Amino acid sequence: MVEPMQKLVQKYFEEQGYFLRSNLKYKYNKNHSDIDLIGINNKGEGLVAEVKNRSIYYSLKEAKVLVEDYYNDSIVDKKVREILGKLPTRKVLAVAWLHSEPKKSEEIMKYAAERGVEIITLDEVIGWFFKNLVSDSMSYEDDSLQLIRSIKEYYKYDKASFLNNIKKT
């Protein structure tokens, strides 16, 4: 089963012109693992994305583990190259959120960027849908988009309550 956040991130990249496969299985040292999202856009650019339905909250050390273990692993790279060949490839780590301290978030983002990995957060993805896709007057077959549409509509009509309820959680 595809996690809701992975589905939302997949839709985010599809709307930006990527054709994607999800949960591409591969053998990893006698075990099996998967690449969450892999694909190509109409400009001939590849994409490989790992989606973590949690935050990189604790430390730069945790970010290093995610970036190094996944994106600099020869087995993962071999599987990516089998699919995408020599195409220039955008490497993305999608997380629920980063550290609550801006300075620590910046350190994590800088570390990943220096290694060619872009980090996107759930609020960036949802914000993009708010601005670019979700219409108040449309219904969507996709449950994720329908939920974002409902949140956007509620926010529009009762912004104060919406923000107040978020602060309570």
C-alpha atoms as a PDB file:
ATOM      1  CA  MET A   1       0.000   0.000   0.000  1.00  0.00           C
ATOM      2  CA  VAL A   2       1.287   3.459  -0.882  1.00  0.00           C
ATOM      3  CA  GLU A   3       1.622   5.830   2.046  1.00  0.00           C
ATOM      4  CA  PRO A   4      -0.525   9.007   1.818  1.00  0.00           C
ATOM      5  CA  MET A   5       2.512  11.295   1.839  1.00  0.00           C
ATOM      6  CA  GLN A   6       4.178   9.285  -0.922  1.00  0.00           C
ATOM      7  CA  LYS A   7       0.997   9.502  -2.984  1.00  0.00           C
ATOM      8  CA  LEU A   8       0.879  13.267  -2.501  1.00  0.00           C
ATOM      9  CA  VAL A   9       4.558  13.701  -3.416  1.00  0.00           C
ATOM     10  CA  GLN A  10       4.026  11.506  -6.479  1.00  0.00           C
ATOM     11  CA  LYS A  11       1.088  13.649  -7.579  1.00  0.00           C
ATOM     12  CA  TYR A  12       3.203  16.782  -6.978  1.00  0.00           C
ATOM     13  CA  PHE A  13       5.883  15.582  -9.402  1.00  0.00           C
ATOM     14  CA  GLU A  14       3.369  14.230 -11.929  1.00  0.00           C
ATOM     15  CA  GLU A  15       1.745  17.656 -12.071  1.00  0.00           C
ATOM     16  CA  GLN A  16       5.183  19.084 -12.850  1.00  0.00           C
ATOM     17  CA  GLY A  17       5.504  16.819 -15.884  1.00  0.00           C
ATOM     18  CA  TYR A  18       7.168  13.697 -14.522  1.00  0.00           C
ATOM     19  CA  PHE A  19       6.077  10.204 -15.538  1.00  0.00           C
ATOM     20  CA  LEU A  20       6.770   8.081 -12.451  1.00  0.00           C
ATOM     21  CA  ARG A  21       6.955   4.535 -11.196  1.00  0.00           C
ATOM     22  CA  SER A  22       6.576   3.945  -7.504  1.00  0.00           C
ATOM     23  CA  ASN A  23       7.990   1.325  -5.168  1.00  0.00           C
ATOM     24  CA  LEU A  24      10.521  -0.080  -7.617  1.00  0.00           C
ATOM     25  CA  LYS A  25      11.855  -3.225  -5.911  1.00  0.00           C
ATOM     26  CA  TYR A  26      15.494  -4.248  -5.934  1.00  0.00           C
ATOM     27  CA  LYS A  27      17.668  -6.734  -4.077  1.00  0.00           C
ATOM     28  CA  TYR A  28      19.882  -5.257  -1.392  1.00  0.00           C
ATOM     29  CA  ASN A  29      22.362  -7.642   0.290  1.00  0.00           C
ATOM     30  CA  LYS A  30      20.000 -10.672   0.406  1.00  0.00           C
ATOM     31  CA  ASN A  31      17.136  -8.382   1.425  1.00  0.00           C
ATOM     32  CA  HIS A  32      14.657  -6.485  -0.693  1.00  0.00           C
ATOM     33  CA  SER A  33      14.167  -2.758  -0.699  1.00  0.00           C
ATOM     34  CA  ASP A  34      12.508  -0.239  -2.969  1.00  0.00           C
ATOM     35  CA  ILE A  35      12.946   3.127  -4.591  1.00  0.00           C
ATOM     36  CA  ASP A  36       9.899   5.171  -3.625  1.00  0.00           C
ATOM     37  CA  LEU A  37       9.634   7.220  -6.842  1.00  0.00           C
ATOM     38  CA  ILE A  38      11.624   7.130 -10.067  1.00  0.00           C
ATOM     39  CA  GLY A  39      10.815   8.714 -13.383  1.00  0.00           C
ATOM     40  CA  ILE A  40      11.465  11.058 -16.234  1.00  0.00           C
ATOM     41  CA  ASN A  41       9.965  14.314 -17.510  1.00  0.00           C
ATOM     42  CA  ASN A  42       9.375  15.539 -21.077  1.00  0.00           C
ATOM     43  CA  LYS A  43      12.712  17.408 -21.015  1.00  0.00           C
ATOM     44  CA  GLY A  44      14.614  14.148 -20.594  1.00  0.00           C
ATOM     45  CA  GLU A  45      15.479  14.733 -16.949  1.00  0.00           C
ATOM     46  CA  GLY A  46      15.340  11.920 -14.448  1.00  0.00           C
ATOM     47  CA  LEU A  47      13.996  11.993 -10.916  1.00  0.00           C
ATOM     48  CA  VAL A  48      14.612   9.687  -7.991  1.00  0.00           C
ATOM     49  CA  ALA A  49      12.845  10.436  -4.711  1.00  0.00           C
ATOM     50  CA  GLU A  50      12.853   8.888  -1.280  1.00  0.00           C
ATOM     51  CA  VAL A  51       9.770   9.794   0.771  1.00  0.00           C
ATOM     52  CA  LYS A  52       9.965   9.699   4.558  1.00  0.00           C
ATOM     53  CA  ASN A  53       6.677  10.112   6.357  1.00  0.00           C
ATOM     54  CA  ARG A  54       8.454  11.683   9.303  1.00  0.00           C
ATOM     55  CA  SER A  55      10.712  14.582  10.071  1.00  0.00           C
ATOM     56  CA  ILE A  56      14.452  15.007  10.071  1.00  0.00           C
ATOM     57  CA  TYR A  57      14.095  16.542  13.467  1.00  0.00           C
ATOM     58  CA  TYR A  58      16.806  15.246  15.689  1.00  0.00           C
ATOM     59  CA  SER A  59      20.093  16.185  14.108  1.00  0.00           C
ATOM     60  CA  LEU A  60      22.332  16.711  11.171  1.00  0.00           C
ATOM     61  CA  LYS A  61      23.598  13.182  11.885  1.00  0.00           C
ATOM     62  CA  GLU A  62      20.194  11.718  10.936  1.00  0.00           C
ATOM     63  CA  ALA A  63      20.183  13.728   7.711  1.00  0.00           C
ATOM     64  CA  LYS A  64      23.667  12.444   6.910  1.00  0.00           C
ATOM     65  CA  VAL A  65      22.504   8.868   7.330  1.00  0.00           C
ATOM     66  CA  LEU A  66      19.546   9.397   4.982  1.00  0.00           C
ATOM     67  CA  VAL A  67      21.581  11.216   2.334  1.00  0.00           C
ATOM     68  CA  GLU A  68      24.674   9.021   2.464  1.00  0.00           C
ATOM     69  CA  ASP A  69      22.997   5.646   2.897  1.00  0.00           C
ATOM     70  CA  TYR A  70      20.444   6.151   0.186  1.00  0.00           C
ATOM     71  CA  TYR A  71      21.807   8.492  -2.453  1.00  0.00           C
ATOM     72  CA  ASN A  72      25.453   7.453  -2.329  1.00  0.00           C
ATOM     73  CA  ASP A  73      24.829   3.730  -2.238  1.00  0.00           C
ATOM     74  CA  SER A  74      26.221   1.836  -5.251  1.00  0.00           C
ATOM     75  CA  ILE A  75      23.374  -0.707  -5.263  1.00  0.00           C
ATOM     76  CA  VAL A  76      20.718   2.021  -5.345  1.00  0.00           C
ATOM     77  CA  ASP A  77      22.687   3.936  -7.979  1.00  0.00           C
ATOM     78  CA  LYS A  78      22.984   0.818 -10.158  1.00  0.00           C
ATOM     79  CA  LYS A  79      19.202   0.316 -10.056  1.00  0.00           C
ATOM     80  CA  VAL A  80      18.597   4.006 -10.840  1.00  0.00           C
ATOM     81  CA  ARG A  81      21.008   3.815 -13.817  1.00  0.00           C
ATOM     82  CA  GLU A  82      19.267   0.654 -15.102  1.00  0.00           C
ATOM     83  CA  ILE A  83      16.066   2.683 -15.392  1.00  0.00           C
ATOM     84  CA  LEU A  84      17.303   6.185 -16.235  1.00  0.00           C
ATOM     85  CA  GLY A  85      20.581   5.457 -17.998  1.00  0.00           C
ATOM     86  CA  LYS A  86      22.869   8.481 -18.124  1.00  0.00           C
ATOM     87  CA  LEU A  87      20.105  11.068 -17.873  1.00  0.00           C
ATOM     88  CA  PRO A  88      20.773  13.985 -15.556  1.00  0.00           C
ATOM     89  CA  THR A  89      18.876  13.015 -12.425  1.00  0.00           C
ATOM     90  CA  ARG A  90      17.250  15.171  -9.778  1.00  0.00           C
ATOM     91  CA  LYS A  91      17.658  13.535  -6.348  1.00  0.00           C
ATOM     92  CA  VAL A  92      14.939  14.440  -3.868  1.00  0.00           C
ATOM     93  CA  LEU A  93      14.370  13.574  -0.241  1.00  0.00           C
ATOM     94  CA  ALA A  94      10.785  14.362   0.751  1.00  0.00           C
ATOM     95  CA  VAL A  95      10.158  14.618   4.495  1.00  0.00           C
ATOM     96  CA  ALA A  96       7.217  15.632   6.647  1.00  0.00           C
ATOM     97  CA  TRP A  97       9.153  18.553   8.100  1.00  0.00           C
ATOM     98  CA  LEU A  98      12.634  19.673   9.083  1.00  0.00           C
ATOM     99  CA  HIS A  99      13.966  20.804  12.426  1.00  0.00           C
ATOM    100  CA  SER A 100      11.956  23.445  14.276  1.00  0.00           C
ATOM    101  CA  GLU A 101      15.079  25.576  14.717  1.00  0.00           C
ATOM    102  CA  PRO A 102      15.725  27.438  11.436  1.00  0.00           C
ATOM    103  CA  LYS A 103      19.512  27.282  11.868  1.00  0.00           C
ATOM    104  CA  LYS A 104      19.457  23.476  12.168  1.00  0.00           C
ATOM    105  CA  SER A 105      17.094  23.191   9.183  1.00  0.00           C
ATOM    106  CA  GLU A 106      19.505  25.321   7.145  1.00  0.00           C
ATOM    107  CA  GLU A 107      22.422  23.049   8.135  1.00  0.00           C
ATOM    108  CA  ILE A 108      20.486  19.989   7.005  1.00  0.00           C
ATOM    109  CA  MET A 109      19.454  21.605   3.706  1.00  0.00           C
ATOM    110  CA  LYS A 110      23.017  22.787   3.044  1.00  0.00           C
ATOM    111  CA  TYR A 111      24.499  19.368   3.796  1.00  0.00           C
ATOM    112  CA  ALA A 112      22.080  17.650   1.406  1.00  0.00           C
ATOM    113  CA  ALA A 113      22.499  20.284  -1.338  1.00  0.00           C
ATOM    114  CA  GLU A 114      26.291  19.948  -1.215  1.00  0.00           C
ATOM    115  CA  ARG A 115      25.772  16.276  -2.057  1.00  0.00           C
ATOM    116  CA  GLY A 116      23.301  16.959  -4.860  1.00  0.00           C
ATOM    117  CA  VAL A 117      20.161  16.099  -2.895  1.00  0.00           C
ATOM    118  CA  GLU A 118      17.187  18.455  -2.747  1.00  0.00           C
ATOM    119  CA  ILE A 119      15.005  18.273   0.354  1.00  0.00           C
ATOM    120  CA  ILE A 120      11.334  19.142   0.100  1.00  0.00           C
ATOM    121  CA  THR A 121       8.884  19.216   2.978  1.00  0.00           C
ATOM    122  CA  LEU A 122       5.214  18.376   3.187  1.00  0.00           C
ATOM    123  CA  ASP A 123       4.272  22.023   3.701  1.00  0.00           C
ATOM    124  CA  GLU A 124       6.072  22.927   0.437  1.00  0.00           C
ATOM    125  CA  VAL A 125       4.141  20.251  -1.432  1.00  0.00           C
ATOM    126  CA  ILE A 126       0.776  21.238   0.034  1.00  0.00           C
ATOM    127  CA  GLY A 127       1.565  24.934  -0.521  1.00  0.00           C
ATOM    128  CA  TRP A 128       2.309  24.215  -4.172  1.00  0.00           C
ATOM    129  CA  PHE A 129      -1.072  22.503  -4.561  1.00  0.00           C
ATOM    130  CA  PHE A 130      -2.811  25.440  -2.863  1.00  0.00           C
ATOM    131  CA  LYS A 131      -1.240  27.882  -5.304  1.00  0.00           C
ATOM    132  CA  ASN A 132      -1.126  25.925  -8.527  1.00  0.00           C
ATOM    133  CA  LEU A 133      -3.662  23.189  -8.722  1.00  0.00           C
ATOM    134  CA  VAL A 134      -6.449  22.874  -6.257  1.00  0.00           C
ATOM    135  CA  SER A 135      -9.572  24.760  -7.249  1.00  0.00           C
ATOM    136  CA  ASP A 136     -12.346  25.513  -4.779  1.00  0.00           C
ATOM    137  CA  SER A 137     -14.984  24.704  -7.367  1.00  0.00           C
ATOM    138  CA  MET A 138     -13.697  21.296  -8.480  1.00  0.00           C
ATOM    139  CA  SER A 139     -14.006  17.812  -7.094  1.00  0.00           C
ATOM    140  CA  TYR A 140     -11.069  15.456  -7.457  1.00  0.00           C
ATOM    141  CA  GLU A 141     -11.004  11.701  -7.832  1.00  0.00           C
ATOM    142  CA  ASP A 142      -7.688  11.659  -6.010  1.00  0.00           C
ATOM    143  CA  ASP A 143      -8.377  11.545  -2.254  1.00  0.00           C
ATOM    144  CA  SER A 144      -5.249  13.549  -1.434  1.00  0.00           C
ATOM    145  CA  LEU A 145      -6.258  16.417  -3.711  1.00  0.00           C
ATOM    146  CA  GLN A 146      -9.829  16.320  -2.430  1.00  0.00           C
ATOM    147  CA  LEU A 147      -8.528  16.622   1.132  1.00  0.00           C
ATOM    148  CA  ILE A 148      -6.291  19.582   0.207  1.00  0.00           C
ATOM    149  CA  ARG A 149      -9.248  21.220  -1.547  1.00  0.00           C
ATOM    150  CA  SER A 150     -11.360  20.816   1.605  1.00  0.00           C
ATOM    151  CA  ILE A 151      -8.614  22.250   3.815  1.00  0.00           C
ATOM    152  CA  LYS A 152      -8.152  25.170   1.438  1.00  0.00           C
ATOM    153  CA  GLU A 153     -11.881  25.882   1.443  1.00  0.00           C
ATOM    154  CA  TYR A 154     -12.079  25.709   5.249  1.00  0.00           C
ATOM    155  CA  TYR A 155      -9.031  27.987   5.529  1.00  0.00           C
ATOM    156  CA  LYS A 156     -10.590  30.518   3.159  1.00  0.00           C
ATOM    157  CA  TYR A 157     -13.861  30.724   5.088  1.00  0.00           C
ATOM    158  CA  ASP A 158     -12.579  30.457   8.639  1.00  0.00           C
ATOM    159  CA  LYS A 159      -8.897  31.403   8.658  1.00  0.00           C
ATOM    160  CA  ALA A 160      -8.818  32.419  12.327  1.00  0.00           C
ATOM    161  CA  SER A 161     -10.314  29.112  13.546  1.00  0.00           C
ATOM    162  CA  PHE A 162      -8.105  27.135  11.200  1.00  0.00           C
ATOM    163  CA  LEU A 163      -4.905  28.741  12.469  1.00  0.00           C
ATOM    164  CA  ASN A 164      -6.078  28.568  16.087  1.00  0.00           C
ATOM    165  CA  ASN A 165      -6.797  24.825  15.778  1.00  0.00           C
ATOM    166  CA  ILE A 166      -3.370  24.198  14.268  1.00  0.00           C
ATOM    167  CA  LYS A 167      -1.686  25.959  17.200  1.00  0.00           C
ATOM    168  CA  LYS A 168      -3.549  23.661  19.638  1.00  0.00           C
ATOM    169  CA  THR A 169      -2.058  20.500  18.129  1.00  0.00           C
END
